[in-house]
Amino acid sequence: MYVAADIGVAVGTARKWLDQGHCPSGPAYDAMIATYGAAFLCAIRPDEAGWWHRVARAERQAALEARAEAIEQQLASLRGAR
């Protein structure tokens, strides 16, 4: 249900991919990549060293840096309230 809602396909279509081994169409793959990022490509092709592994790492790094910045701001706010 969540995959179907995330990428805009029928639940039955997503169920065929996941439960029955059917392959998504090209536009469906595009929608999954756009929705889930390079990590999706890494998950479906874990043994291939493609460009998507570098992109997934960069995405993960950016997310962690954003979280670290948010934590630093919260800490600064708390330190200033002393």
N, C-alpha and C. Protein backbone atom coordinates (compact mmCIF):
# COMPACT_ATOMS: atom_id res chain seq x y z
N MET A 1 0.82 -1.19 0.00
CA MET A 1 0.00 0.00 0.00
C MET A 1 0.87 1.26 0.00
N TYR A 2 1.95 1.23 0.78
CA TYR A 2 2.78 2.42 0.88
C TYR A 2 3.53 2.70 -0.42
N VAL A 3 4.09 1.67 -1.02
CA VAL A 3 4.78 1.85 -2.30
C VAL A 3 3.81 2.38 -3.33
N ALA A 4 2.65 1.79 -3.41
CA ALA A 4 1.63 2.23 -4.38
C ALA A 4 1.29 3.70 -4.16
N ALA A 5 1.07 4.09 -2.93
CA ALA A 5 0.73 5.48 -2.63
C ALA A 5 1.90 6.41 -2.91
N ASP A 6 3.11 5.97 -2.58
CA ASP A 6 4.29 6.82 -2.78
C ASP A 6 4.53 7.15 -4.25
N ILE A 7 4.30 6.16 -5.13
CA ILE A 7 4.65 6.38 -6.54
C ILE A 7 3.44 6.50 -7.46
N GLY A 8 2.24 6.40 -6.90
CA GLY A 8 1.04 6.64 -7.69
C GLY A 8 0.62 5.51 -8.61
N VAL A 9 0.72 4.28 -8.12
CA VAL A 9 0.23 3.14 -8.89
C VAL A 9 -0.84 2.42 -8.07
N ALA A 10 -1.55 1.54 -8.73
CA ALA A 10 -2.57 0.75 -8.03
C ALA A 10 -1.91 -0.22 -7.05
N VAL A 11 -2.59 -0.48 -5.94
CA VAL A 11 -2.07 -1.41 -4.95
C VAL A 11 -1.84 -2.78 -5.58
N GLY A 12 -2.75 -3.21 -6.43
CA GLY A 12 -2.60 -4.51 -7.09
C GLY A 12 -1.35 -4.58 -7.95
N THR A 13 -1.00 -3.48 -8.57
CA THR A 13 0.22 -3.43 -9.39
C THR A 13 1.45 -3.61 -8.51
N ALA A 14 1.52 -2.88 -7.43
CA ALA A 14 2.67 -3.01 -6.52
C ALA A 14 2.72 -4.40 -5.91
N ARG A 15 1.57 -4.96 -5.62
CA ARG A 15 1.52 -6.31 -5.05
C ARG A 15 2.10 -7.33 -6.04
N LYS A 16 1.81 -7.16 -7.33
CA LYS A 16 2.36 -8.06 -8.34
C LYS A 16 3.89 -7.99 -8.35
N TRP A 17 4.44 -6.79 -8.19
CA TRP A 17 5.90 -6.66 -8.17
C TRP A 17 6.49 -7.37 -6.96
N LEU A 18 5.89 -7.12 -5.81
CA LEU A 18 6.47 -7.61 -4.56
C LEU A 18 6.16 -9.07 -4.26
N ASP A 19 4.96 -9.51 -4.57
CA ASP A 19 4.54 -10.86 -4.20
C ASP A 19 4.69 -11.88 -5.32
N GLN A 20 4.59 -11.42 -6.56
CA GLN A 20 4.56 -12.36 -7.67
C GLN A 20 5.77 -12.25 -8.59
N GLY A 21 6.71 -11.39 -8.27
CA GLY A 21 7.94 -11.30 -9.04
C GLY A 21 7.83 -10.60 -10.37
N HIS A 22 6.75 -9.86 -10.60
CA HIS A 22 6.63 -9.11 -11.85
C HIS A 22 7.56 -7.90 -11.80
N CYS A 23 7.98 -7.44 -12.97
CA CYS A 23 8.88 -6.28 -13.05
C CYS A 23 8.09 -5.00 -13.29
N PRO A 24 8.46 -3.96 -12.59
CA PRO A 24 7.82 -2.66 -12.83
C PRO A 24 8.16 -2.13 -14.22
N SER A 25 7.33 -1.28 -14.74
CA SER A 25 7.58 -0.63 -16.02
C SER A 25 8.67 0.43 -15.85
N GLY A 26 9.18 0.93 -16.95
CA GLY A 26 10.18 1.99 -16.91
C GLY A 26 9.71 3.22 -16.14
N PRO A 27 8.50 3.72 -16.43
CA PRO A 27 8.02 4.88 -15.67
C PRO A 27 7.87 4.59 -14.17
N ALA A 28 7.52 3.35 -13.83
CA ALA A 28 7.41 3.00 -12.41
C ALA A 28 8.79 3.01 -11.75
N TYR A 29 9.81 2.46 -12.45
CA TYR A 29 11.17 2.54 -11.92
C TYR A 29 11.59 3.99 -11.72
N ASP A 30 11.30 4.82 -12.72
CA ASP A 30 11.63 6.25 -12.61
C ASP A 30 10.97 6.87 -11.38
N ALA A 31 9.71 6.52 -11.15
CA ALA A 31 8.99 7.07 -10.00
C ALA A 31 9.62 6.59 -8.69
N MET A 32 10.04 5.34 -8.65
CA MET A 32 10.67 4.82 -7.43
C MET A 32 12.02 5.50 -7.18
N ILE A 33 12.80 5.72 -8.23
CA ILE A 33 14.08 6.39 -8.08
C ILE A 33 13.86 7.82 -7.61
N ALA A 34 12.88 8.51 -8.21
CA ALA A 34 12.59 9.88 -7.81
C ALA A 34 12.11 9.95 -6.36
N THR A 35 11.36 8.94 -5.93
CA THR A 35 10.80 8.93 -4.58
C THR A 35 11.80 8.46 -3.53
N TYR A 36 12.52 7.37 -3.84
CA TYR A 36 13.38 6.75 -2.83
C TYR A 36 14.86 7.05 -3.01
N GLY A 37 15.24 7.72 -4.09
CA GLY A 37 16.63 8.12 -4.29
C GLY A 37 17.55 6.99 -4.70
N ALA A 38 18.82 7.29 -4.68
CA ALA A 38 19.83 6.33 -5.11
C ALA A 38 19.88 5.09 -4.22
N ALA A 39 19.45 5.23 -2.98
CA ALA A 39 19.42 4.08 -2.08
C ALA A 39 18.55 2.96 -2.64
N PHE A 40 17.51 3.34 -3.37
CA PHE A 40 16.64 2.33 -4.02
C PHE A 40 17.45 1.53 -5.03
N LEU A 41 18.24 2.22 -5.85
CA LEU A 41 19.06 1.50 -6.84
C LEU A 41 20.08 0.60 -6.17
N CYS A 42 20.66 1.06 -5.08
CA CYS A 42 21.61 0.23 -4.34
C CYS A 42 20.94 -1.03 -3.78
N ALA A 43 19.70 -0.88 -3.35
CA ALA A 43 18.98 -2.02 -2.79
C ALA A 43 18.66 -3.08 -3.84
N ILE A 44 18.34 -2.62 -5.06
CA ILE A 44 17.98 -3.61 -6.08
C ILE A 44 19.18 -4.14 -6.84
N ARG A 45 20.32 -3.43 -6.77
CA ARG A 45 21.55 -3.87 -7.43
C ARG A 45 22.73 -3.78 -6.47
N PRO A 46 22.69 -4.50 -5.35
CA PRO A 46 23.71 -4.32 -4.31
C PRO A 46 25.12 -4.77 -4.73
N ASP A 47 25.22 -5.69 -5.67
CA ASP A 47 26.53 -6.22 -6.03
C ASP A 47 27.21 -5.45 -7.15
N GLU A 48 26.52 -4.48 -7.74
CA GLU A 48 27.11 -3.69 -8.81
C GLU A 48 27.65 -2.38 -8.26
N ALA A 49 28.86 -2.07 -8.65
CA ALA A 49 29.46 -0.80 -8.22
C ALA A 49 29.17 0.24 -9.30
N GLY A 50 28.03 0.87 -9.20
CA GLY A 50 27.63 1.88 -10.17
C GLY A 50 27.69 3.27 -9.57
N TRP A 51 27.41 4.23 -10.41
CA TRP A 51 27.41 5.63 -9.98
C TRP A 51 26.42 5.87 -8.85
N TRP A 52 25.37 5.06 -8.81
CA TRP A 52 24.33 5.28 -7.81
C TRP A 52 24.85 5.05 -6.39
N HIS A 53 25.89 4.24 -6.23
CA HIS A 53 26.46 4.05 -4.89
C HIS A 53 27.11 5.34 -4.41
N ARG A 54 27.77 6.06 -5.30
CA ARG A 54 28.36 7.36 -4.93
C ARG A 54 27.26 8.37 -4.61
N VAL A 55 26.19 8.35 -5.40
CA VAL A 55 25.09 9.28 -5.16
C VAL A 55 24.40 8.94 -3.84
N ALA A 56 24.17 7.67 -3.56
CA ALA A 56 23.54 7.26 -2.31
C ALA A 56 24.39 7.70 -1.12
N ARG A 57 25.70 7.54 -1.24
CA ARG A 57 26.59 7.97 -0.15
C ARG A 57 26.49 9.49 0.04
N ALA A 58 26.48 10.24 -1.04
CA ALA A 58 26.37 11.70 -0.95
C ALA A 58 25.03 12.11 -0.34
N GLU A 59 23.95 11.42 -0.73
CA GLU A 59 22.63 11.70 -0.15
C GLU A 59 22.63 11.44 1.35
N ARG A 60 23.21 10.32 1.74
CA ARG A 60 23.26 9.94 3.16
C ARG A 60 24.09 10.96 3.95
N GLN A 61 25.24 11.35 3.36
CA GLN A 61 26.10 12.33 4.01
C GLN A 61 25.37 13.65 4.19
N ALA A 62 24.68 14.11 3.17
CA ALA A 62 23.95 15.38 3.25
C ALA A 62 22.87 15.32 4.33
N ALA A 63 22.17 14.19 4.41
CA ALA A 63 21.13 14.04 5.43
C ALA A 63 21.74 14.07 6.83
N LEU A 64 22.87 13.38 7.03
CA LEU A 64 23.52 13.38 8.33
C LEU A 64 24.06 14.76 8.70
N GLU A 65 24.62 15.46 7.72
CA GLU A 65 25.12 16.81 7.99
C GLU A 65 23.98 17.75 8.37
N ALA A 66 22.83 17.60 7.73
CA ALA A 66 21.67 18.43 8.07
C ALA A 66 21.20 18.13 9.50
N ARG A 67 21.19 16.84 9.85
CA ARG A 67 20.80 16.48 11.22
C ARG A 67 21.80 17.03 12.23
N ALA A 68 23.09 16.94 11.90
CA ALA A 68 24.13 17.45 12.80
C ALA A 68 23.99 18.95 12.98
N GLU A 69 23.69 19.67 11.92
CA GLU A 69 23.50 21.12 11.99
C GLU A 69 22.31 21.45 12.88
N ALA A 70 21.23 20.71 12.73
CA ALA A 70 20.04 20.94 13.56
C ALA A 70 20.36 20.70 15.03
N ILE A 71 21.13 19.66 15.31
CA ILE A 71 21.51 19.36 16.70
C ILE A 71 22.41 20.47 17.24
N GLU A 72 23.35 20.93 16.41
CA GLU A 72 24.23 22.02 16.84
C GLU A 72 23.43 23.28 17.17
N GLN A 73 22.41 23.58 16.37
CA GLN A 73 21.58 24.74 16.64
C GLN A 73 20.81 24.58 17.94
N GLN A 74 20.30 23.37 18.18
CA GLN A 74 19.59 23.12 19.44
C GLN A 74 20.52 23.26 20.64
N LEU A 75 21.74 22.72 20.50
CA LEU A 75 22.70 22.83 21.58
C LEU A 75 23.07 24.30 21.84
N ALA A 76 23.27 25.05 20.78
CA ALA A 76 23.61 26.47 20.93
C ALA A 76 22.49 27.22 21.64
N SER A 77 21.26 26.87 21.30
CA SER A 77 20.11 27.49 21.95
C SER A 77 20.07 27.17 23.43
N LEU A 78 20.33 25.92 23.76
CA LEU A 78 20.34 25.51 25.16
C LEU A 78 21.50 26.16 25.92
N ARG A 79 22.66 26.24 25.29
CA ARG A 79 23.80 26.86 25.94
C ARG A 79 23.56 28.34 26.19
N GLY A 80 22.85 28.99 25.27
CA GLY A 80 22.55 30.41 25.42
C GLY A 80 21.51 30.69 26.49
N ALA A 81 20.75 29.69 26.89
CA ALA A 81 19.68 29.87 27.89
C ALA A 81 20.18 29.73 29.31
N ARG A 82 21.47 29.55 29.50
CA ARG A 82 22.00 29.36 30.85
C ARG A 82 21.88 30.59 31.68
